[in-house]
N, C-alpha and C. Protein backbone atom coordinates (compact mmCIF):
# COMPACT_ATOMS: atom_id res chain seq x y z
N MET A 1 -34.09 -9.92 1.77
CA MET A 1 -33.19 -10.49 2.74
C MET A 1 -33.97 -10.87 4.00
N GLN A 2 -33.68 -12.03 4.55
CA GLN A 2 -34.38 -12.49 5.73
C GLN A 2 -33.79 -11.86 6.99
N LYS A 3 -34.68 -11.51 7.92
CA LYS A 3 -34.25 -10.99 9.21
C LYS A 3 -33.82 -12.17 10.08
N PRO A 4 -32.99 -11.97 11.10
CA PRO A 4 -32.59 -13.07 11.98
C PRO A 4 -33.77 -13.78 12.62
N ALA A 5 -34.82 -13.05 12.97
CA ALA A 5 -36.00 -13.67 13.58
C ALA A 5 -36.70 -14.61 12.59
N ASP A 6 -36.61 -14.30 11.29
CA ASP A 6 -37.24 -15.13 10.27
C ASP A 6 -36.51 -16.47 10.10
N THR A 7 -35.21 -16.51 10.34
CA THR A 7 -34.45 -17.73 10.15
C THR A 7 -34.39 -18.59 11.40
N GLU A 8 -34.84 -18.09 12.53
CA GLU A 8 -34.78 -18.86 13.77
C GLU A 8 -35.49 -20.21 13.69
N PRO A 9 -36.74 -20.29 13.21
CA PRO A 9 -37.38 -21.60 13.10
C PRO A 9 -36.64 -22.53 12.12
N VAL A 10 -36.10 -21.97 11.07
CA VAL A 10 -35.39 -22.77 10.07
C VAL A 10 -34.17 -23.43 10.70
N THR A 11 -33.38 -22.68 11.43
CA THR A 11 -32.18 -23.24 12.06
C THR A 11 -32.56 -24.17 13.21
N ALA A 12 -33.64 -23.86 13.92
CA ALA A 12 -34.08 -24.73 15.02
C ALA A 12 -34.49 -26.10 14.49
N ILE A 13 -35.20 -26.13 13.38
CA ILE A 13 -35.64 -27.40 12.78
C ILE A 13 -34.42 -28.17 12.28
N ALA A 14 -33.49 -27.49 11.61
CA ALA A 14 -32.29 -28.14 11.09
C ALA A 14 -31.47 -28.75 12.22
N ALA A 15 -31.42 -28.06 13.37
CA ALA A 15 -30.64 -28.57 14.50
C ALA A 15 -31.35 -29.74 15.19
N ALA A 16 -32.67 -29.65 15.32
CA ALA A 16 -33.43 -30.68 16.04
C ALA A 16 -33.69 -31.92 15.20
N PHE A 17 -33.81 -31.75 13.89
CA PHE A 17 -34.16 -32.85 13.00
C PHE A 17 -33.17 -32.89 11.83
N PRO A 18 -32.03 -33.57 11.99
CA PRO A 18 -31.05 -33.64 10.90
C PRO A 18 -31.67 -34.22 9.63
N GLY A 19 -31.35 -33.59 8.52
CA GLY A 19 -31.88 -34.04 7.24
C GLY A 19 -33.18 -33.35 6.85
N TRP A 20 -33.80 -32.63 7.77
CA TRP A 20 -35.02 -31.89 7.48
C TRP A 20 -34.66 -30.45 7.18
N ARG A 21 -35.40 -29.84 6.28
CA ARG A 21 -35.22 -28.42 6.04
C ARG A 21 -36.58 -27.74 6.18
N ALA A 22 -36.56 -26.54 6.71
CA ALA A 22 -37.80 -25.80 6.96
C ALA A 22 -37.77 -24.47 6.22
N TRP A 23 -38.94 -23.92 5.99
CA TRP A 23 -39.04 -22.62 5.34
C TRP A 23 -40.35 -21.96 5.76
N ALA A 24 -40.37 -20.64 5.59
CA ALA A 24 -41.59 -19.86 5.86
C ALA A 24 -42.43 -19.86 4.58
N THR A 25 -43.73 -20.08 4.73
CA THR A 25 -44.62 -20.10 3.58
C THR A 25 -45.14 -18.69 3.30
N ARG A 26 -45.73 -18.51 2.15
CA ARG A 26 -46.26 -17.20 1.78
C ARG A 26 -47.37 -16.75 2.72
N GLY A 27 -48.13 -17.70 3.25
CA GLY A 27 -49.24 -17.36 4.14
C GLY A 27 -48.81 -17.06 5.57
N GLY A 28 -47.51 -17.06 5.83
CA GLY A 28 -47.02 -16.75 7.15
C GLY A 28 -46.80 -17.98 8.02
N GLY A 29 -47.06 -19.15 7.51
CA GLY A 29 -46.86 -20.38 8.27
C GLY A 29 -45.47 -20.93 8.04
N LEU A 30 -45.27 -22.14 8.52
CA LEU A 30 -44.00 -22.83 8.36
C LEU A 30 -44.24 -24.18 7.71
N ALA A 31 -43.27 -24.64 6.96
CA ALA A 31 -43.35 -25.95 6.32
C ALA A 31 -41.98 -26.60 6.38
N ALA A 32 -41.96 -27.93 6.34
CA ALA A 32 -40.70 -28.65 6.38
C ALA A 32 -40.83 -29.96 5.60
N ARG A 33 -39.68 -30.47 5.17
CA ARG A 33 -39.65 -31.75 4.48
C ARG A 33 -38.31 -32.43 4.74
N LYS A 34 -38.34 -33.74 4.64
CA LYS A 34 -37.11 -34.53 4.75
C LYS A 34 -36.42 -34.44 3.41
N GLY A 35 -35.18 -34.06 3.39
CA GLY A 35 -34.45 -33.88 2.15
C GLY A 35 -34.34 -35.16 1.35
N GLY A 36 -34.71 -35.09 0.07
CA GLY A 36 -34.57 -36.23 -0.83
C GLY A 36 -35.64 -37.30 -0.69
N ALA A 37 -36.64 -37.09 0.17
CA ALA A 37 -37.67 -38.11 0.36
C ALA A 37 -38.90 -37.77 -0.47
N PRO A 38 -39.42 -38.76 -1.22
CA PRO A 38 -40.65 -38.50 -1.97
C PRO A 38 -41.83 -38.50 -1.03
N PRO A 39 -42.93 -37.92 -1.32
CA PRO A 39 -43.25 -37.12 -2.49
C PRO A 39 -42.73 -35.69 -2.34
N ALA A 40 -42.72 -34.96 -3.45
CA ALA A 40 -42.27 -33.58 -3.41
C ALA A 40 -43.25 -32.74 -2.60
N GLY A 41 -42.77 -31.62 -2.09
CA GLY A 41 -43.63 -30.74 -1.31
C GLY A 41 -43.39 -30.93 0.18
N ALA A 42 -44.13 -30.18 0.96
CA ALA A 42 -43.97 -30.21 2.41
C ALA A 42 -44.48 -31.52 2.99
N HIS A 43 -43.72 -32.08 3.92
CA HIS A 43 -44.15 -33.27 4.64
C HIS A 43 -44.80 -32.89 5.96
N ALA A 44 -44.56 -31.66 6.43
CA ALA A 44 -45.13 -31.18 7.68
C ALA A 44 -45.38 -29.69 7.56
N ARG A 45 -46.46 -29.23 8.19
CA ARG A 45 -46.80 -27.81 8.18
C ARG A 45 -47.25 -27.39 9.57
N GLY A 46 -47.06 -26.11 9.87
CA GLY A 46 -47.52 -25.57 11.14
C GLY A 46 -47.51 -24.05 11.11
N THR A 47 -48.24 -23.45 12.04
CA THR A 47 -48.29 -21.99 12.11
C THR A 47 -47.27 -21.45 13.11
N SER A 48 -46.74 -22.32 13.96
CA SER A 48 -45.72 -21.92 14.92
C SER A 48 -44.61 -22.98 14.93
N LEU A 49 -43.52 -22.66 15.59
CA LEU A 49 -42.41 -23.60 15.68
C LEU A 49 -42.84 -24.86 16.44
N ALA A 50 -43.61 -24.70 17.50
CA ALA A 50 -44.07 -25.85 18.27
C ALA A 50 -45.00 -26.74 17.44
N GLU A 51 -45.89 -26.14 16.68
CA GLU A 51 -46.81 -26.89 15.84
C GLU A 51 -46.06 -27.62 14.72
N LEU A 52 -45.07 -26.96 14.12
CA LEU A 52 -44.27 -27.60 13.07
C LEU A 52 -43.45 -28.75 13.65
N THR A 53 -42.87 -28.55 14.82
CA THR A 53 -42.10 -29.61 15.47
C THR A 53 -42.98 -30.82 15.73
N SER A 54 -44.19 -30.59 16.22
CA SER A 54 -45.13 -31.68 16.47
C SER A 54 -45.50 -32.39 15.17
N ALA A 55 -45.70 -31.64 14.09
CA ALA A 55 -46.05 -32.24 12.80
C ALA A 55 -44.88 -33.06 12.25
N ILE A 56 -43.65 -32.60 12.45
CA ILE A 56 -42.48 -33.36 12.00
C ILE A 56 -42.36 -34.66 12.78
N GLU A 57 -42.55 -34.58 14.10
CA GLU A 57 -42.49 -35.79 14.93
C GLU A 57 -43.55 -36.80 14.50
N ALA A 58 -44.74 -36.32 14.17
CA ALA A 58 -45.81 -37.21 13.69
C ALA A 58 -45.43 -37.83 12.34
N ALA A 59 -44.82 -37.04 11.46
CA ALA A 59 -44.41 -37.56 10.15
C ALA A 59 -43.32 -38.61 10.30
N ILE A 60 -42.42 -38.41 11.23
CA ILE A 60 -41.35 -39.39 11.47
C ILE A 60 -41.95 -40.66 12.04
N LYS A 61 -42.88 -40.53 12.97
CA LYS A 61 -43.52 -41.69 13.60
C LYS A 61 -44.33 -42.49 12.58
N ASP A 62 -45.10 -41.80 11.74
CA ASP A 62 -45.95 -42.47 10.76
C ASP A 62 -45.18 -43.04 9.59
N GLY A 63 -44.00 -42.51 9.33
CA GLY A 63 -43.22 -42.97 8.19
C GLY A 63 -43.67 -42.28 6.92
N PRO A 64 -42.99 -42.55 5.83
CA PRO A 64 -43.35 -41.89 4.58
C PRO A 64 -44.72 -42.38 4.09
N PRO A 65 -45.47 -41.51 3.40
CA PRO A 65 -46.76 -41.93 2.88
C PRO A 65 -46.59 -43.07 1.89
N ARG A 66 -47.47 -44.04 1.96
CA ARG A 66 -47.38 -45.20 1.08
C ARG A 66 -47.98 -44.85 -0.27
N SER A 67 -47.24 -45.15 -1.31
CA SER A 67 -47.79 -44.94 -2.65
C SER A 67 -48.32 -46.27 -3.16
N LEU A 68 -49.42 -46.20 -3.87
CA LEU A 68 -50.05 -47.41 -4.38
C LEU A 68 -49.42 -47.83 -5.71
N ARG A 69 -49.34 -49.12 -5.91
CA ARG A 69 -48.89 -49.66 -7.19
C ARG A 69 -50.02 -49.45 -8.20
N PRO A 70 -49.71 -49.49 -9.50
CA PRO A 70 -50.74 -49.26 -10.52
C PRO A 70 -51.94 -50.20 -10.39
N ALA A 71 -51.71 -51.48 -10.11
CA ALA A 71 -52.83 -52.42 -9.99
C ALA A 71 -53.69 -52.08 -8.76
N GLU A 72 -53.05 -51.67 -7.66
CA GLU A 72 -53.78 -51.29 -6.46
C GLU A 72 -54.60 -50.04 -6.71
N GLN A 73 -54.00 -49.07 -7.43
CA GLN A 73 -54.71 -47.82 -7.72
C GLN A 73 -55.90 -48.08 -8.63
N ALA A 74 -55.74 -48.92 -9.65
CA ALA A 74 -56.84 -49.24 -10.56
C ALA A 74 -57.97 -49.95 -9.80
N THR A 75 -57.60 -50.87 -8.92
CA THR A 75 -58.59 -51.59 -8.11
C THR A 75 -59.32 -50.63 -7.20
N LEU A 76 -58.59 -49.73 -6.54
CA LEU A 76 -59.21 -48.76 -5.64
C LEU A 76 -60.14 -47.82 -6.39
N ASP A 77 -59.76 -47.42 -7.60
CA ASP A 77 -60.60 -46.55 -8.42
C ASP A 77 -61.94 -47.22 -8.74
N VAL A 78 -61.89 -48.51 -9.08
CA VAL A 78 -63.12 -49.24 -9.39
C VAL A 78 -63.98 -49.37 -8.13
N LEU A 79 -63.37 -49.69 -7.01
CA LEU A 79 -64.13 -49.80 -5.75
C LEU A 79 -64.78 -48.47 -5.37
N ALA A 80 -64.04 -47.39 -5.52
CA ALA A 80 -64.56 -46.07 -5.15
C ALA A 80 -65.73 -45.66 -6.04
N ALA A 81 -65.71 -46.07 -7.30
CA ALA A 81 -66.77 -45.70 -8.23
C ALA A 81 -67.99 -46.62 -8.15
N ALA A 82 -67.84 -47.76 -7.51
CA ALA A 82 -68.92 -48.75 -7.47
C ALA A 82 -69.99 -48.35 -6.46
N PRO A 83 -71.27 -48.40 -6.87
CA PRO A 83 -72.35 -48.07 -5.94
C PRO A 83 -72.65 -49.21 -4.95
N THR A 84 -72.23 -50.42 -5.29
CA THR A 84 -72.49 -51.58 -4.44
C THR A 84 -71.19 -52.38 -4.28
N PRO A 85 -71.12 -53.27 -3.29
CA PRO A 85 -69.94 -54.12 -3.13
C PRO A 85 -69.73 -54.99 -4.37
N LEU A 86 -68.45 -55.29 -4.65
CA LEU A 86 -68.10 -56.05 -5.86
C LEU A 86 -67.32 -57.31 -5.52
N ARG A 87 -67.51 -58.34 -6.36
CA ARG A 87 -66.69 -59.55 -6.27
C ARG A 87 -65.39 -59.32 -7.01
N VAL A 88 -64.41 -60.17 -6.75
CA VAL A 88 -63.10 -60.05 -7.39
C VAL A 88 -63.25 -60.11 -8.91
N ARG A 89 -64.09 -61.02 -9.41
CA ARG A 89 -64.28 -61.17 -10.86
C ARG A 89 -64.80 -59.87 -11.48
N ALA A 90 -65.73 -59.20 -10.82
CA ALA A 90 -66.27 -57.95 -11.36
C ALA A 90 -65.20 -56.86 -11.41
N ILE A 91 -64.35 -56.82 -10.40
CA ILE A 91 -63.26 -55.84 -10.38
C ILE A 91 -62.26 -56.17 -11.48
N SER A 92 -61.98 -57.46 -11.66
CA SER A 92 -61.07 -57.90 -12.71
C SER A 92 -61.61 -57.49 -14.08
N ASP A 93 -62.89 -57.71 -14.30
CA ASP A 93 -63.50 -57.34 -15.58
C ASP A 93 -63.46 -55.82 -15.81
N ALA A 94 -63.69 -55.05 -14.73
CA ALA A 94 -63.72 -53.59 -14.86
C ALA A 94 -62.34 -53.00 -15.09
N THR A 95 -61.31 -53.61 -14.50
CA THR A 95 -59.96 -53.06 -14.64
C THR A 95 -59.19 -53.64 -15.81
N GLY A 96 -59.57 -54.84 -16.24
CA GLY A 96 -58.82 -55.52 -17.28
C GLY A 96 -57.60 -56.24 -16.73
N LEU A 97 -57.48 -56.29 -15.40
CA LEU A 97 -56.36 -56.98 -14.77
C LEU A 97 -56.71 -58.44 -14.55
N HIS A 98 -55.70 -59.29 -14.50
CA HIS A 98 -55.91 -60.71 -14.22
C HIS A 98 -56.52 -60.86 -12.84
N ILE A 99 -57.36 -61.86 -12.65
CA ILE A 99 -58.07 -62.04 -11.38
C ILE A 99 -57.10 -62.21 -10.20
N ASN A 100 -55.96 -62.90 -10.42
CA ASN A 100 -54.98 -63.07 -9.34
C ASN A 100 -54.34 -61.73 -8.96
N THR A 101 -54.10 -60.89 -9.96
CA THR A 101 -53.53 -59.57 -9.70
C THR A 101 -54.50 -58.73 -8.87
N VAL A 102 -55.78 -58.80 -9.20
CA VAL A 102 -56.80 -58.07 -8.45
C VAL A 102 -56.88 -58.59 -7.02
N ALA A 103 -56.82 -59.91 -6.86
CA ALA A 103 -56.88 -60.50 -5.51
C ALA A 103 -55.70 -60.02 -4.66
N LYS A 104 -54.51 -59.95 -5.24
CA LYS A 104 -53.34 -59.46 -4.51
C LYS A 104 -53.48 -57.97 -4.19
N ALA A 105 -54.00 -57.21 -5.14
CA ALA A 105 -54.20 -55.78 -4.92
C ALA A 105 -55.22 -55.55 -3.80
N LEU A 106 -56.29 -56.35 -3.80
CA LEU A 106 -57.30 -56.22 -2.74
C LEU A 106 -56.73 -56.57 -1.38
N ALA A 107 -55.88 -57.58 -1.32
CA ALA A 107 -55.24 -57.95 -0.05
C ALA A 107 -54.36 -56.80 0.45
N ALA A 108 -53.61 -56.17 -0.45
CA ALA A 108 -52.77 -55.04 -0.07
C ALA A 108 -53.62 -53.85 0.38
N LEU A 109 -54.72 -53.59 -0.32
CA LEU A 109 -55.60 -52.48 0.05
C LEU A 109 -56.26 -52.73 1.40
N ARG A 110 -56.61 -53.98 1.68
CA ARG A 110 -57.18 -54.32 2.99
C ARG A 110 -56.15 -54.13 4.09
N ASP A 111 -54.91 -54.51 3.83
CA ASP A 111 -53.84 -54.33 4.81
C ASP A 111 -53.63 -52.86 5.15
N CYS A 112 -53.83 -51.99 4.16
CA CYS A 112 -53.68 -50.55 4.37
C CYS A 112 -54.93 -49.92 4.97
N GLY A 113 -56.01 -50.67 5.03
CA GLY A 113 -57.26 -50.11 5.54
C GLY A 113 -58.05 -49.34 4.49
N LEU A 114 -57.72 -49.52 3.22
CA LEU A 114 -58.42 -48.81 2.15
C LEU A 114 -59.57 -49.60 1.54
N ALA A 115 -59.64 -50.89 1.84
CA ALA A 115 -60.73 -51.73 1.32
C ALA A 115 -61.24 -52.61 2.46
N ALA A 116 -62.51 -52.93 2.37
CA ALA A 116 -63.13 -53.82 3.34
C ALA A 116 -63.84 -54.93 2.58
N ARG A 117 -64.07 -56.06 3.25
CA ARG A 117 -64.77 -57.16 2.60
C ARG A 117 -65.72 -57.82 3.59
N HIS A 118 -66.73 -58.47 3.02
CA HIS A 118 -67.63 -59.29 3.83
C HIS A 118 -68.14 -60.45 2.98
N ARG A 119 -68.56 -61.49 3.66
CA ARG A 119 -69.01 -62.71 2.98
C ARG A 119 -70.39 -62.54 2.38
N ASP A 120 -70.54 -63.14 1.20
CA ASP A 120 -71.85 -63.27 0.56
C ASP A 120 -71.92 -64.72 0.08
N GLY A 121 -72.40 -65.60 0.95
CA GLY A 121 -72.37 -67.02 0.63
C GLY A 121 -70.95 -67.51 0.67
N HIS A 122 -70.46 -68.03 -0.44
CA HIS A 122 -69.09 -68.51 -0.49
C HIS A 122 -68.11 -67.46 -1.01
N ALA A 123 -68.62 -66.33 -1.51
CA ALA A 123 -67.76 -65.31 -2.12
C ALA A 123 -67.54 -64.14 -1.17
N TRP A 124 -66.46 -63.41 -1.41
CA TRP A 124 -66.20 -62.18 -0.69
C TRP A 124 -66.67 -61.01 -1.55
N LEU A 125 -67.31 -60.03 -0.92
CA LEU A 125 -67.68 -58.78 -1.58
C LEU A 125 -66.80 -57.68 -1.01
N TYR A 126 -66.26 -56.83 -1.88
CA TYR A 126 -65.33 -55.78 -1.48
C TYR A 126 -65.95 -54.40 -1.67
N THR A 127 -65.61 -53.51 -0.75
CA THR A 127 -66.03 -52.12 -0.84
C THR A 127 -64.82 -51.24 -0.55
N CYS A 128 -64.92 -50.00 -0.95
CA CYS A 128 -63.90 -49.02 -0.64
C CYS A 128 -64.12 -48.58 0.81
N ALA A 129 -63.08 -48.57 1.61
CA ALA A 129 -63.22 -48.26 3.03
C ALA A 129 -62.93 -46.81 3.36
N THR A 130 -62.85 -45.94 2.35
CA THR A 130 -62.60 -44.53 2.63
C THR A 130 -63.92 -43.85 2.95
N PRO A 131 -63.96 -43.00 3.99
CA PRO A 131 -65.21 -42.37 4.41
C PRO A 131 -65.86 -41.53 3.32
N ALA A 132 -65.09 -40.91 2.44
CA ALA A 132 -65.67 -40.03 1.43
C ALA A 132 -66.52 -40.79 0.42
N SER A 133 -66.15 -42.03 0.12
CA SER A 133 -66.87 -42.73 -0.94
C SER A 133 -68.01 -43.59 -0.42
N HIS A 134 -67.85 -44.20 0.74
CA HIS A 134 -68.89 -45.05 1.31
C HIS A 134 -68.99 -44.81 2.80
N PRO A 135 -69.76 -43.78 3.23
CA PRO A 135 -69.81 -43.47 4.65
C PRO A 135 -70.26 -44.64 5.51
N GLY A 136 -71.15 -45.46 5.04
CA GLY A 136 -71.64 -46.58 5.83
C GLY A 136 -70.63 -47.71 5.95
N GLN A 137 -69.62 -47.74 5.10
CA GLN A 137 -68.62 -48.80 5.09
C GLN A 137 -67.24 -48.24 5.43
N SER A 138 -67.18 -47.20 6.28
CA SER A 138 -65.92 -46.51 6.49
C SER A 138 -64.89 -47.31 7.26
N GLN A 139 -65.28 -48.30 8.03
CA GLN A 139 -64.31 -49.09 8.78
C GLN A 139 -64.13 -50.46 8.14
N PRO A 140 -62.89 -50.90 7.97
CA PRO A 140 -62.67 -52.24 7.45
C PRO A 140 -63.27 -53.25 8.40
N GLN A 141 -63.86 -54.31 7.85
CA GLN A 141 -64.50 -55.31 8.68
C GLN A 141 -63.54 -56.45 8.92
N ALA A 142 -63.51 -56.91 10.17
CA ALA A 142 -62.65 -58.02 10.51
C ALA A 142 -63.26 -59.30 9.96
N ASP A 143 -62.42 -60.20 9.56
CA ASP A 143 -62.89 -61.49 9.10
C ASP A 143 -61.87 -62.54 9.50
N SER A 144 -62.26 -63.78 9.38
CA SER A 144 -61.34 -64.84 9.79
C SER A 144 -60.93 -65.71 8.61
N GLY A 145 -61.33 -65.34 7.42
CA GLY A 145 -61.04 -66.15 6.25
C GLY A 145 -59.71 -65.83 5.62
N PRO A 146 -59.28 -66.64 4.68
CA PRO A 146 -58.03 -66.37 3.97
C PRO A 146 -58.18 -65.17 3.05
N PRO A 147 -57.09 -64.48 2.70
CA PRO A 147 -57.20 -63.33 1.82
C PRO A 147 -57.70 -63.72 0.45
N ALA A 148 -58.57 -62.86 -0.08
CA ALA A 148 -59.16 -62.98 -1.42
C ALA A 148 -59.27 -64.40 -1.81
């Protein structure tokens, strides 16, 4: 049975953020999620009520996490595994997706900041823009050309 002190953060979160539910975690922290919103699991975590409140406000401001479409995920997987920048045709060949599908997926990944591109003559070369896979290419590069 929960003590009244244990339920205080839960009721405080429910009152301050309608539609959110909070709970105490096994490790002694707090977690919360927006009811019925994907993905499953906690959308915010904190060790205190103030920290959890701040995490919920950040989650509301940022919006729900974006999930990638299958073509975008396949394209990102190829980019992450590539040791060097790739052209659209090479990504198309590696994924088995149509070249137009890959070009659209690359445009979406660039919009999200997950892919970067730079010119190589008349062609664009694409890299994964996540710091874990390509530390030297961690920031998307600005360009003035049309997408893919």
